[in-house]
Amino acid sequence: MYGEQITEISAYKERPELSKCLDNLSVGDNLVVHKLNRLERSMVEMLEHTALIERGVAIKTLNTPSDRTSEH
């Protein structure tokens, strides 16, 4: 389990715990987040996370019924 608490807008560029988490994901893993907007702060980040799906990682959110997986 990884977690960060960021209090400054400028600090969003540096998210070391998220980086560690993403580096450790592999095929068949599930990345679970509370809200998708907590994971993706920009279009660039969204595209990076789309690459996770292409790698076989499922992104699941706790606050919405739909998941981002390659199976849909």
C-alpha atoms as a PDB file:
ATOM      1  CA  MET A   1       0.000   0.000   0.000  1.00  0.00           C
ATOM      2  CA  TYR A   2       1.302   3.416  -0.979  1.00  0.00           C
ATOM      3  CA  GLY A   3       0.029   6.800   0.124  1.00  0.00           C
ATOM      4  CA  GLU A   4       0.896  10.461  -0.076  1.00  0.00           C
ATOM      5  CA  GLN A   5      -0.434  13.626   1.427  1.00  0.00           C
ATOM      6  CA  ILE A   6       0.409  16.661  -0.653  1.00  0.00           C
ATOM      7  CA  THR A   7      -0.482  20.080   0.673  1.00  0.00           C
ATOM      8  CA  GLU A   8       1.008  22.398  -1.948  1.00  0.00           C
ATOM      9  CA  ILE A   9      -0.024  22.613  -5.574  1.00  0.00           C
ATOM     10  CA  SER A  10       3.599  22.845  -6.704  1.00  0.00           C
ATOM     11  CA  ALA A  11       4.339  19.550  -4.930  1.00  0.00           C
ATOM     12  CA  TYR A  12       2.025  17.619  -7.275  1.00  0.00           C
ATOM     13  CA  LYS A  13       4.860  17.373  -9.784  1.00  0.00           C
ATOM     14  CA  GLU A  14       6.867  15.277  -7.334  1.00  0.00           C
ATOM     15  CA  ARG A  15       4.940  12.245  -6.138  1.00  0.00           C
ATOM     16  CA  PRO A  16       7.592   9.761  -4.998  1.00  0.00           C
ATOM     17  CA  GLU A  17       5.188   7.229  -3.488  1.00  0.00           C
ATOM     18  CA  LEU A  18       3.087   7.147  -6.650  1.00  0.00           C
ATOM     19  CA  SER A  19       6.235   6.702  -8.723  1.00  0.00           C
ATOM     20  CA  LYS A  20       7.324   3.763  -6.558  1.00  0.00           C
ATOM     21  CA  CYS A  21       3.876   2.209  -6.822  1.00  0.00           C
ATOM     22  CA  LEU A  22       3.709   2.542 -10.609  1.00  0.00           C
ATOM     23  CA  ASP A  23       7.225   1.139 -11.000  1.00  0.00           C
ATOM     24  CA  ASN A  24       6.225  -1.997  -9.077  1.00  0.00           C
ATOM     25  CA  LEU A  25       3.054  -2.788 -11.046  1.00  0.00           C
ATOM     26  CA  SER A  26       3.076  -5.732 -13.414  1.00  0.00           C
ATOM     27  CA  VAL A  27       0.683  -7.728 -15.612  1.00  0.00           C
ATOM     28  CA  GLY A  28      -2.399  -8.809 -13.694  1.00  0.00           C
ATOM     29  CA  ASP A  29      -2.007  -6.244 -10.886  1.00  0.00           C
ATOM     30  CA  ASN A  30      -4.839  -3.946  -9.809  1.00  0.00           C
ATOM     31  CA  LEU A  31      -4.154  -0.315  -8.984  1.00  0.00           C
ATOM     32  CA  VAL A  32      -6.927   0.835  -6.628  1.00  0.00           C
ATOM     33  CA  VAL A  33      -7.501   4.542  -6.007  1.00  0.00           C
ATOM     34  CA  HIS A  34     -10.201   6.419  -4.131  1.00  0.00           C
ATOM     35  CA  LYS A  35     -10.947   8.792  -7.006  1.00  0.00           C
ATOM     36  CA  LEU A  36      -9.457   8.880 -10.480  1.00  0.00           C
ATOM     37  CA  ASN A  37      -8.708  12.591 -10.130  1.00  0.00           C
ATOM     38  CA  ARG A  38      -6.388  11.726  -7.223  1.00  0.00           C
ATOM     39  CA  LEU A  39      -4.306   9.692  -9.657  1.00  0.00           C
ATOM     40  CA  GLU A  40      -4.419  11.804 -12.804  1.00  0.00           C
ATOM     41  CA  ARG A  41      -3.738  15.501 -12.452  1.00  0.00           C
ATOM     42  CA  SER A  42      -3.193  16.222 -16.144  1.00  0.00           C
ATOM     43  CA  MET A  43      -3.741  14.864 -19.624  1.00  0.00           C
ATOM     44  CA  VAL A  44      -0.097  13.744 -19.706  1.00  0.00           C
ATOM     45  CA  GLU A  45      -0.613  11.685 -16.544  1.00  0.00           C
ATOM     46  CA  MET A  46      -3.794  10.210 -17.995  1.00  0.00           C
ATOM     47  CA  LEU A  47      -1.875   9.034 -21.060  1.00  0.00           C
ATOM     48  CA  GLU A  48       0.852   7.554 -18.864  1.00  0.00           C
ATOM     49  CA  HIS A  49      -1.749   5.621 -16.913  1.00  0.00           C
ATOM     50  CA  THR A  50      -3.389   4.429 -20.122  1.00  0.00           C
ATOM     51  CA  ALA A  51      -0.029   2.791 -20.844  1.00  0.00           C
ATOM     52  CA  LEU A  52      -0.471   0.848 -17.588  1.00  0.00           C
ATOM     53  CA  ILE A  53      -3.698  -0.615 -18.924  1.00  0.00           C
ATOM     54  CA  GLU A  54      -1.918  -1.600 -22.114  1.00  0.00           C
ATOM     55  CA  ARG A  55       0.701  -3.329 -19.912  1.00  0.00           C
ATOM     56  CA  GLY A  56      -2.044  -5.432 -18.333  1.00  0.00           C
ATOM     57  CA  VAL A  57      -2.595  -3.439 -15.137  1.00  0.00           C
ATOM     58  CA  ALA A  58      -6.206  -2.722 -14.132  1.00  0.00           C
ATOM     59  CA  ILE A  59      -7.050   0.658 -12.602  1.00  0.00           C
ATOM     60  CA  LYS A  60      -9.986   0.483 -10.204  1.00  0.00           C
ATOM     61  CA  THR A  61     -11.675   3.364  -8.406  1.00  0.00           C
ATOM     62  CA  LEU A  62     -13.608   3.117  -5.166  1.00  0.00           C
ATOM     63  CA  ASN A  63     -16.075   5.910  -5.907  1.00  0.00           C
ATOM     64  CA  THR A  64     -17.277   4.848  -9.380  1.00  0.00           C
ATOM     65  CA  PRO A  65     -18.745   1.598 -10.676  1.00  0.00           C
ATOM     66  CA  SER A  66     -16.622   1.511 -13.832  1.00  0.00           C
ATOM     67  CA  ASP A  67     -13.032   0.359 -13.943  1.00  0.00           C
ATOM     68  CA  ARG A  68     -10.333   1.070 -16.472  1.00  0.00           C
ATOM     69  CA  THR A  69      -9.113  -2.255 -17.703  1.00  0.00           C
ATOM     70  CA  SER A  70      -8.108  -3.685 -21.034  1.00  0.00           C
ATOM     71  CA  GLU A  71     -11.000  -6.165 -20.822  1.00  0.00           C
ATOM     72  CA  HIS A  72     -13.722  -3.602 -21.669  1.00  0.00           C
END
